[in-house]
Protein backbone atom coordinates (compact mmCIF):
# COMPACT_ATOMS: atom_id res chain seq x y z
CA PHE A 1 9.16 11.76 9.63
CA GLU A 2 8.84 8.74 7.73
CA GLY A 3 9.53 6.52 10.67
CA ASN A 4 7.56 8.41 13.04
CA LEU A 5 4.60 8.36 10.51
CA ASP A 6 4.97 4.57 10.27
CA ILE A 7 5.45 3.69 13.98
CA GLN A 8 2.69 6.21 15.41
CA TYR A 9 -0.02 4.73 12.96
CA ILE A 10 0.65 1.20 13.38
CA MET A 11 1.37 1.22 17.15
CA GLY A 12 -1.81 3.43 17.36
CA ILE A 13 -3.97 0.94 15.33
CA ALA A 14 -2.41 -2.18 16.07
CA GLN A 15 -2.33 -1.89 19.91
CA ARG A 16 -1.25 -4.72 22.09
CA THR A 17 0.85 -6.14 19.26
CA THR A 18 4.60 -5.91 19.12
CA SER A 19 6.25 -3.36 16.64
CA ILE A 20 9.58 -3.42 15.10
CA TYR A 21 11.31 -0.64 13.39
CA TRP A 22 13.85 -2.34 11.11
CA TYR A 23 17.01 -0.68 9.98
CA SER A 24 19.62 -1.62 7.53
CA SER A 25 22.87 0.21 6.62
CA TYR A 26 22.61 2.93 3.78
CA LEU A 27 25.74 1.47 2.28
CA VAL A 28 23.99 -1.94 1.38
CA GLU A 29 24.14 -2.30 -2.38
CA ASP A 30 20.59 -4.04 -2.50
CA PRO A 31 18.80 -2.65 0.59
CA PHE A 32 15.50 -4.31 -0.34
CA LEU A 33 17.05 -7.62 -0.79
CA ALA A 34 19.39 -7.20 2.30
CA TRP A 35 16.14 -6.67 4.14
CA ILE A 36 13.90 -9.53 3.15
CA THR A 37 16.76 -12.03 3.39
CA ASP A 38 17.17 -10.91 6.83
CA VAL A 39 13.69 -11.39 7.65
CA ALA A 40 13.44 -14.94 5.95
CA ASN A 41 16.37 -16.09 7.81
CA LEU A 42 14.68 -15.28 11.16
CA ALA A 43 13.15 -18.56 13.00
CA ASN A 44 10.10 -16.46 13.77
CA PRO A 45 9.72 -13.65 11.23
CA PRO A 46 7.31 -10.74 11.72
CA GLN A 47 3.71 -11.89 10.42
CA ALA A 48 2.79 -8.31 8.93
CA ASN A 49 5.51 -6.31 7.39
CA SER A 50 5.27 -2.62 5.79
CA ILE A 51 7.70 -1.20 3.33
CA SER A 52 7.16 2.67 2.37
CA TRP A 53 10.25 3.07 0.25
CA SER A 54 10.74 1.90 -3.41
CA ILE A 55 12.64 2.72 -6.55
CA ASN A 56 11.86 2.42 -10.27
CA GLU A 57 11.96 -1.22 -11.38
CA GLN A 58 13.97 -0.51 -14.27
CA LEU A 59 16.83 0.57 -11.94
CA VAL A 60 16.94 -2.57 -9.98
CA SER A 61 18.92 -5.61 -11.67
CA ASP A 62 16.90 -8.93 -12.82
CA ALA A 63 18.89 -10.77 -10.41
CA THR A 64 17.81 -8.66 -7.52
CA LYS A 65 14.24 -8.58 -8.71
CA LEU A 66 14.12 -12.55 -9.08
CA SER A 67 16.18 -12.90 -5.45
CA PHE A 68 13.59 -10.44 -3.86
CA ASN A 69 10.54 -12.51 -5.35
CA THR A 70 12.02 -15.90 -4.15
CA GLU A 71 12.42 -14.81 -0.64
CA ALA A 72 9.12 -13.12 -0.62
CA LEU A 73 7.31 -16.35 -1.94
CA LYS A 74 9.26 -18.37 1.02
CA LEU A 75 7.95 -16.10 3.50
CA THR A 76 4.27 -15.93 2.44
CA VAL A 77 4.50 -19.79 2.52
CA ARG A 78 5.32 -19.30 6.18
CA GLY A 79 2.16 -17.35 6.90
CA VAL A 80 3.91 -13.71 6.55
CA THR A 81 2.17 -10.74 4.68
CA ILE A 82 4.56 -8.06 3.17
CA VAL A 83 2.76 -4.88 2.55
CA VAL A 84 4.32 -2.24 -0.12
CA SER A 85 3.39 1.19 -1.00
CA SER A 86 2.48 1.71 -4.43
CA GLY A 87 4.53 5.10 -4.78
CA ASP A 88 3.55 8.87 -4.99
CA ASN A 89 4.26 10.01 -8.47
CA GLY A 90 1.52 8.25 -10.35
CA ALA A 91 2.85 6.22 -13.34
CA ALA A 92 5.85 8.60 -13.77
CA GLY A 93 8.32 6.93 -11.33
CA VAL A 94 11.05 8.36 -9.25
CA TYR A 95 12.04 11.39 -11.58
CA CYS A 96 8.69 12.16 -12.66
CA GLN A 97 9.37 11.28 -16.34
CA CYS A 98 6.56 11.63 -18.89
CA ASP A 99 8.35 9.83 -21.45
CA GLY A 100 7.03 6.32 -20.40
CA TYR A 101 6.00 4.31 -17.77
CA TYR A 102 7.84 3.68 -14.37
CA PRO A 103 6.64 0.86 -12.21
CA SER A 104 7.87 0.81 -8.38
CA PHE A 105 9.98 -1.82 -6.87
CA PRO A 106 9.27 -3.81 -4.77
CA ALA A 107 5.67 -2.95 -5.17
CA THR A 108 5.64 -4.86 -8.44
CA SER A 109 6.51 -8.15 -6.75
CA PRO A 110 3.82 -10.62 -7.03
CA TYR A 111 4.10 -11.85 -3.67
CA VAL A 112 3.55 -8.42 -1.72
CA THR A 113 0.10 -6.49 -1.12
CA THR A 114 0.43 -3.29 -2.82
CA VAL A 115 -1.40 -0.24 -1.43
CA GLY A 116 -2.37 3.04 -3.30
CA ALA A 117 -3.99 6.20 -1.94
CA THR A 118 -7.60 7.74 -1.99
CA MET A 119 -8.80 10.95 -0.72
CA GLY A 120 -12.18 12.67 0.10
CA PRO A 121 -13.43 11.19 3.31
CA GLU A 122 -11.04 13.36 5.30
CA SER A 123 -13.14 16.54 3.93
CA ASN A 124 -16.44 14.71 4.05
CA SER A 125 -16.30 14.24 0.19
CA LYS A 126 -16.67 11.42 -2.11
CA GLU A 127 -13.67 9.01 -2.25
CA VAL A 128 -11.66 9.46 -5.21
CA SER A 129 -8.15 8.50 -6.15
CA CYS A 130 -5.51 10.67 -4.55
CA GLN A 131 -4.23 13.23 -7.17
CA SER A 132 -1.66 16.12 -6.65
CA ASP A 133 -3.79 18.04 -9.18
CA LYS A 134 -6.97 17.84 -7.15
CA GLY A 135 -5.56 19.00 -4.12
CA GLY A 136 -4.01 15.70 -2.70
CA LEU A 137 -0.27 16.73 -2.75
CA ILE A 138 0.56 13.27 -4.17
CA THR A 139 -0.89 10.86 -6.70
CA SER A 140 -1.48 7.28 -6.22
CA GLY A 141 1.11 5.20 -7.95
CA GLY A 142 0.02 2.15 -10.27
CA GLY A 143 0.88 0.59 -13.45
CA PHE A 144 2.20 -2.78 -14.65
CA SER A 145 5.73 -4.65 -14.12
CA TYR A 146 8.04 -5.03 -16.91
CA PHE A 147 9.68 -7.85 -15.17
CA TYR A 148 7.13 -9.91 -13.35
CA ALA A 149 4.49 -11.71 -15.16
CA MET A 150 0.60 -11.14 -14.69
CA PRO A 151 -0.38 -13.64 -11.81
CA GLN A 152 -3.59 -15.88 -12.20
CA TRP A 153 -5.29 -14.52 -9.51
CA GLN A 154 -5.68 -10.82 -10.92
CA ARG A 155 -5.96 -11.58 -14.76
CA THR A 156 -9.84 -11.40 -14.95
CA ALA A 157 -9.81 -8.40 -12.88
CA VAL A 158 -7.27 -6.69 -15.33
CA LYS A 159 -9.17 -7.90 -18.45
CA ASN A 160 -12.55 -6.40 -17.31
CA TYR A 161 -10.54 -3.06 -16.74
CA PHE A 162 -9.31 -2.91 -20.05
CA SER A 163 -12.61 -4.30 -21.79
CA ASN A 164 -14.59 -1.32 -20.11
CA LEU A 165 -12.41 1.63 -20.99
CA ALA A 166 -13.95 4.11 -23.38
CA THR A 167 -10.21 5.53 -24.04
CA PRO A 168 -7.27 3.19 -23.92
CA PRO A 169 -4.19 4.52 -22.16
CA VAL A 170 -1.18 5.84 -24.05
CA THR A 171 1.11 2.93 -25.03
CA GLY A 172 4.51 1.85 -23.57
CA PHE A 173 3.48 -0.04 -20.44
CA ASN A 174 3.46 -4.10 -20.32
CA ARG A 175 -0.15 -5.02 -20.42
CA THR A 176 0.78 -8.51 -19.45
CA GLY A 177 2.92 -7.72 -16.38
CA ARG A 178 2.09 -7.87 -12.71
CA ALA A 179 -0.60 -5.25 -12.24
CA PHE A 180 -0.64 -3.01 -9.08
CA PRO A 181 -1.79 -1.46 -6.62
CA ASP A 182 -3.81 -4.20 -5.14
CA ILE A 183 -5.98 -1.98 -2.76
CA SER A 184 -6.00 1.53 -1.37
CA LEU A 185 -6.58 3.36 1.70
CA ILE A 186 -7.05 7.05 2.44
CA GLY A 187 -3.61 8.95 1.93
CA VAL A 188 -3.64 12.38 2.80
CA LYS A 189 -3.73 14.54 6.06
CA TYR A 190 -2.29 12.14 8.65
CA ASN A 191 -1.33 13.81 11.85
CA VAL A 192 2.15 12.92 12.74
CA LEU A 193 3.89 14.56 16.36
CA VAL A 194 7.48 15.18 15.89
CA LYS A 195 9.46 17.24 18.58
CA GLY A 196 6.23 18.61 20.16
CA ASN A 197 4.81 19.78 16.90
CA LEU A 198 2.07 18.61 14.79
CA TYR A 199 2.42 18.09 11.11
CA GLN A 200 0.17 16.33 8.17
CA ARG A 201 1.52 13.83 6.02
CA SER A 202 0.27 12.62 2.78
CA GLY A 203 1.44 9.48 0.90
CA THR A 204 1.10 5.74 -0.09
CA SER A 205 3.73 5.77 2.61
CA ALA A 206 0.95 6.76 5.22
CA SER A 207 -1.72 4.11 3.72
CA ALA A 208 0.69 1.17 3.52
CA PRO A 209 1.39 1.02 7.32
CA LEU A 210 -2.24 1.63 8.05
CA PHE A 211 -3.00 -1.31 6.13
CA ALA A 212 -0.33 -3.45 7.88
CA ALA A 213 -1.71 -2.20 11.04
CA MET A 214 -5.12 -3.68 9.91
CA ILE A 215 -3.59 -7.13 8.92
CA SER A 216 -1.56 -7.21 12.27
CA LEU A 217 -5.06 -6.78 14.26
CA VAL A 218 -6.71 -9.37 11.91
CA ASN A 219 -3.77 -11.84 12.69
CA SER A 220 -3.87 -11.19 16.36
CA ASN A 221 -7.82 -11.93 16.38
CA ARG A 222 -7.29 -15.16 14.33
CA LEU A 223 -4.42 -16.40 16.39
CA ALA A 224 -6.60 -15.69 19.50
CA ALA A 225 -9.30 -17.68 18.09
CA GLY A 226 -6.80 -20.64 17.35
CA LEU A 227 -6.52 -20.01 13.58
CA GLY A 228 -3.31 -18.85 11.77
CA ALA A 229 -2.13 -15.74 10.37
CA VAL A 230 -3.52 -14.63 7.13
CA GLY A 231 -0.07 -14.88 5.10
CA PHE A 232 -0.31 -14.19 1.49
CA ILE A 233 -3.63 -12.37 0.95
CA ASN A 234 -3.78 -11.25 -2.73
CA PRO A 235 -5.70 -14.35 -4.00
CA THR A 236 -8.48 -13.60 -1.27
CA LEU A 237 -8.64 -9.89 -1.97
CA TYR A 238 -9.34 -10.44 -5.68
CA ALA A 239 -12.00 -13.34 -4.90
CA ALA A 240 -13.81 -11.24 -2.53
CA THR A 241 -14.56 -8.63 -5.34
CA SER A 242 -17.90 -10.23 -5.79
CA LYS A 243 -18.95 -9.91 -2.21
CA LYS A 244 -19.05 -6.32 -2.21
CA LEU A 245 -16.66 -5.68 0.63
CA PHE A 246 -14.70 -2.85 -1.32
CA ASN A 247 -15.42 0.54 -1.71
CA ASP A 248 -15.02 1.02 -5.69
CA ILE A 249 -13.12 4.12 -6.62
CA VAL A 250 -14.30 5.01 -10.07
CA ASP A 251 -12.91 8.66 -10.30
CA GLY A 252 -9.62 10.06 -10.82
CA ALA A 253 -6.22 9.17 -12.74
CA ASN A 254 -2.36 8.99 -11.91
CA LYS A 255 -1.05 11.08 -14.43
CA CYS A 256 0.46 13.82 -12.27
CA CYS A 257 3.54 13.97 -9.78
CA ILE A 258 4.04 15.10 -6.42
CA MET A 259 3.10 18.82 -5.85
CA ARG A 260 6.18 20.26 -3.77
CA ASN A 261 6.61 23.81 -2.50
CA ASN A 262 2.96 24.71 -3.51
CA ILE A 263 4.09 24.76 -7.38
CA PRO A 264 1.53 23.08 -9.67
CA PRO A 265 2.60 19.50 -10.35
CA THR A 266 4.08 18.18 -13.49
CA CYS A 267 1.38 16.02 -15.15
CA CYS A 268 2.14 13.51 -18.02
CA GLU A 269 0.05 12.03 -21.17
CA THR A 270 1.05 8.53 -19.89
CA GLY A 271 -0.93 7.01 -16.89
CA PHE A 272 -4.16 5.63 -16.16
CA LYS A 273 -7.65 6.25 -15.00
CA ALA A 274 -9.63 4.76 -12.20
CA ALA A 275 -12.78 2.84 -13.28
CA SER A 276 -15.31 0.58 -11.99
CA GLY A 277 -13.92 -2.67 -10.37
CA TRP A 278 -9.69 -3.10 -10.19
CA ASP A 279 -7.82 -0.12 -11.88
CA PRO A 280 -4.32 0.70 -11.90
CA VAL A 281 -4.63 3.60 -9.87
CA THR A 282 -6.53 2.46 -6.63
CA GLY A 283 -6.39 -1.35 -7.17
CA LEU A 284 -9.79 -2.91 -5.98
CA GLY A 285 -10.67 0.01 -3.88
CA SER A 286 -10.92 0.77 -0.15
CA PHE A 287 -12.53 -1.00 2.63
CA SER A 288 -13.69 -0.78 6.17
CA PHE A 289 -11.84 -2.61 8.78
CA PRO A 290 -15.11 -4.73 9.50
CA ASN A 291 -15.06 -5.68 5.63
CA LEU A 292 -11.24 -6.72 5.82
CA THR A 293 -11.87 -8.84 8.78
CA ALA A 294 -15.07 -10.57 7.13
CA MET A 295 -12.60 -11.65 4.19
CA PHE A 296 -10.64 -13.62 6.71
CA THR A 297 -13.31 -14.92 9.26
CA PRO A 298 -14.45 -18.34 8.61
CA GLN A 299 -17.85 -17.95 9.83
CA THR A 300 -20.68 -16.62 7.21
CA VAL A 301 -21.42 -13.11 7.77
CA THR A 302 -24.58 -11.50 6.64
CA ASN A 303 -23.91 -8.12 8.07
CA PRO A 304 -20.11 -7.26 7.69
CA ASN A 305 -20.54 -4.55 10.67
CA ASP A 306 -21.41 -7.41 13.02
CA VAL A 307 -18.04 -9.16 12.26
CA LEU A 308 -15.96 -7.58 15.02
CA ASN A 309 -18.28 -9.43 17.52
CA LEU A 310 -17.19 -12.56 16.17
CA LEU A 311 -13.63 -12.31 17.31
CA LYS A 312 -13.46 -10.48 20.61
CA ALA A 313 -10.65 -12.54 22.15
CA LYS A 314 -7.69 -10.32 23.44
CA PRO A 315 -5.21 -10.17 20.76
CA THR A 316 -1.88 -12.17 21.41
CA SER A 317 1.51 -10.22 21.10
CA LYS A 318 2.58 -10.75 17.41
CA VAL A 319 5.06 -8.68 15.63
CA THR A 320 4.67 -6.04 13.10
CA SER A 321 7.68 -4.94 11.33
CA ILE A 322 8.19 -1.62 9.70
CA PRO A 323 10.96 -1.48 7.49
CA SER A 324 9.89 1.54 5.92
CA LYS A 325 13.39 3.07 6.60
CA THR A 326 15.32 -0.11 5.48
CA ALA A 327 18.50 1.30 3.67
CA LYS A 328 17.89 4.20 1.69
CA PRO A 329 18.65 3.20 -1.95
CA SER A 330 21.25 4.77 -3.88
CA VAL A 331 18.84 6.43 -6.17
CA ARG A 332 15.94 8.79 -4.64
CA PRO A 333 12.98 7.04 -3.22
CA THR A 334 9.74 7.62 -5.07
CA ASN A 335 7.62 8.29 -1.89
CA ARG A 336 9.12 10.02 0.68
CA PRO A 337 5.66 11.72 2.00
CA VAL A 338 4.62 15.10 1.41
CA THR A 339 4.50 17.34 4.89
CA THR A 340 2.39 20.12 5.64
CA LYS A 341 2.15 21.74 9.04
CA PRO A 342 -1.56 22.51 10.01
CA THR A 343 -2.09 25.94 10.74
CA SER A 344 -4.32 25.10 13.71
CA LYS A 345 -4.12 22.13 16.02
CA PRO A 346 -6.04 19.31 14.41
CA THR A 347 -8.44 16.61 15.95
CA PRO A 348 -6.27 13.62 16.86
CA ARG A 349 -6.42 10.72 14.53
CA THR A 350 -8.39 12.69 11.86
CA GLY A 351 -6.61 10.78 9.13
CA PHE A 352 -7.04 7.29 10.74
CA SER A 353 -10.73 7.44 11.73
CA LYS A 354 -11.75 8.60 8.46
CA ALA A 355 -9.75 6.03 6.76
CA MET A 356 -11.74 3.53 8.94
């Protein structure tokens, strides 16, 4: 299911670009490091990469975290964008532990763009953070790294978050660590066709490849216009908050874990609430594709809905890499998406069209 989800939505959205499904042996000791080292060793690495697996940051050695970050930095300098899902268990991590905070790796790396999940538009409702206890099946992951320091480009946004909170979160997280997610997209009711049957998938492992596909389209349009790939986008995303290009998600929290087998999810005291501006549940918020394109278009755009008219050249064939099934870690991944089979055949691409 996981690979089908990524491939079907990336290829369906980023059409006329080359897509790669990247596989590494399950026996690799450090699968994430092995993958990113292989990509960094390529003469022409994929320009947009999506990772839908993660593990608790605390379970990864400091050496691996440092090495991964170094390779990620090197790739961003070469114009590569790395997109990572934020996790589906809120702030509770792989094993849904309510005794603290368990941030996801490699989502905590400062040189990746981490994507959370929202819900609401798929049912013509207000967009809120994706929560298992509110019908979302999964809960958008988010929090703060214990290893990576908070980058300069997000310090103001995080400071504003804590300044405006009426009630502070339960203590135990690292307030000065790299904060995540960076942005969010819809994370529920993605239709996936497997062996002739239609299923619905939910998770940040759906919203992350969707965002990577959008970046691939932006890259293709820029390259067709004689511009370079967007590369490391995080500073641009955080700088764009004043331009009103994001859908600010102000309702929701990430205190509950995945719902499985229709059993009510475990909910913790630890976790965070969504709020105006950036928050550790949905990041800067969600956005439409024209608004995303506007962030990386050199012309001054007065109406973001007209931005697609600026870049009409046929996209070039550039590569999108999808290592969502790199090696399965020796520990259980945080975000194997929840699957439900619809009772009736849904309208094709419902989840995608609503996310746009």
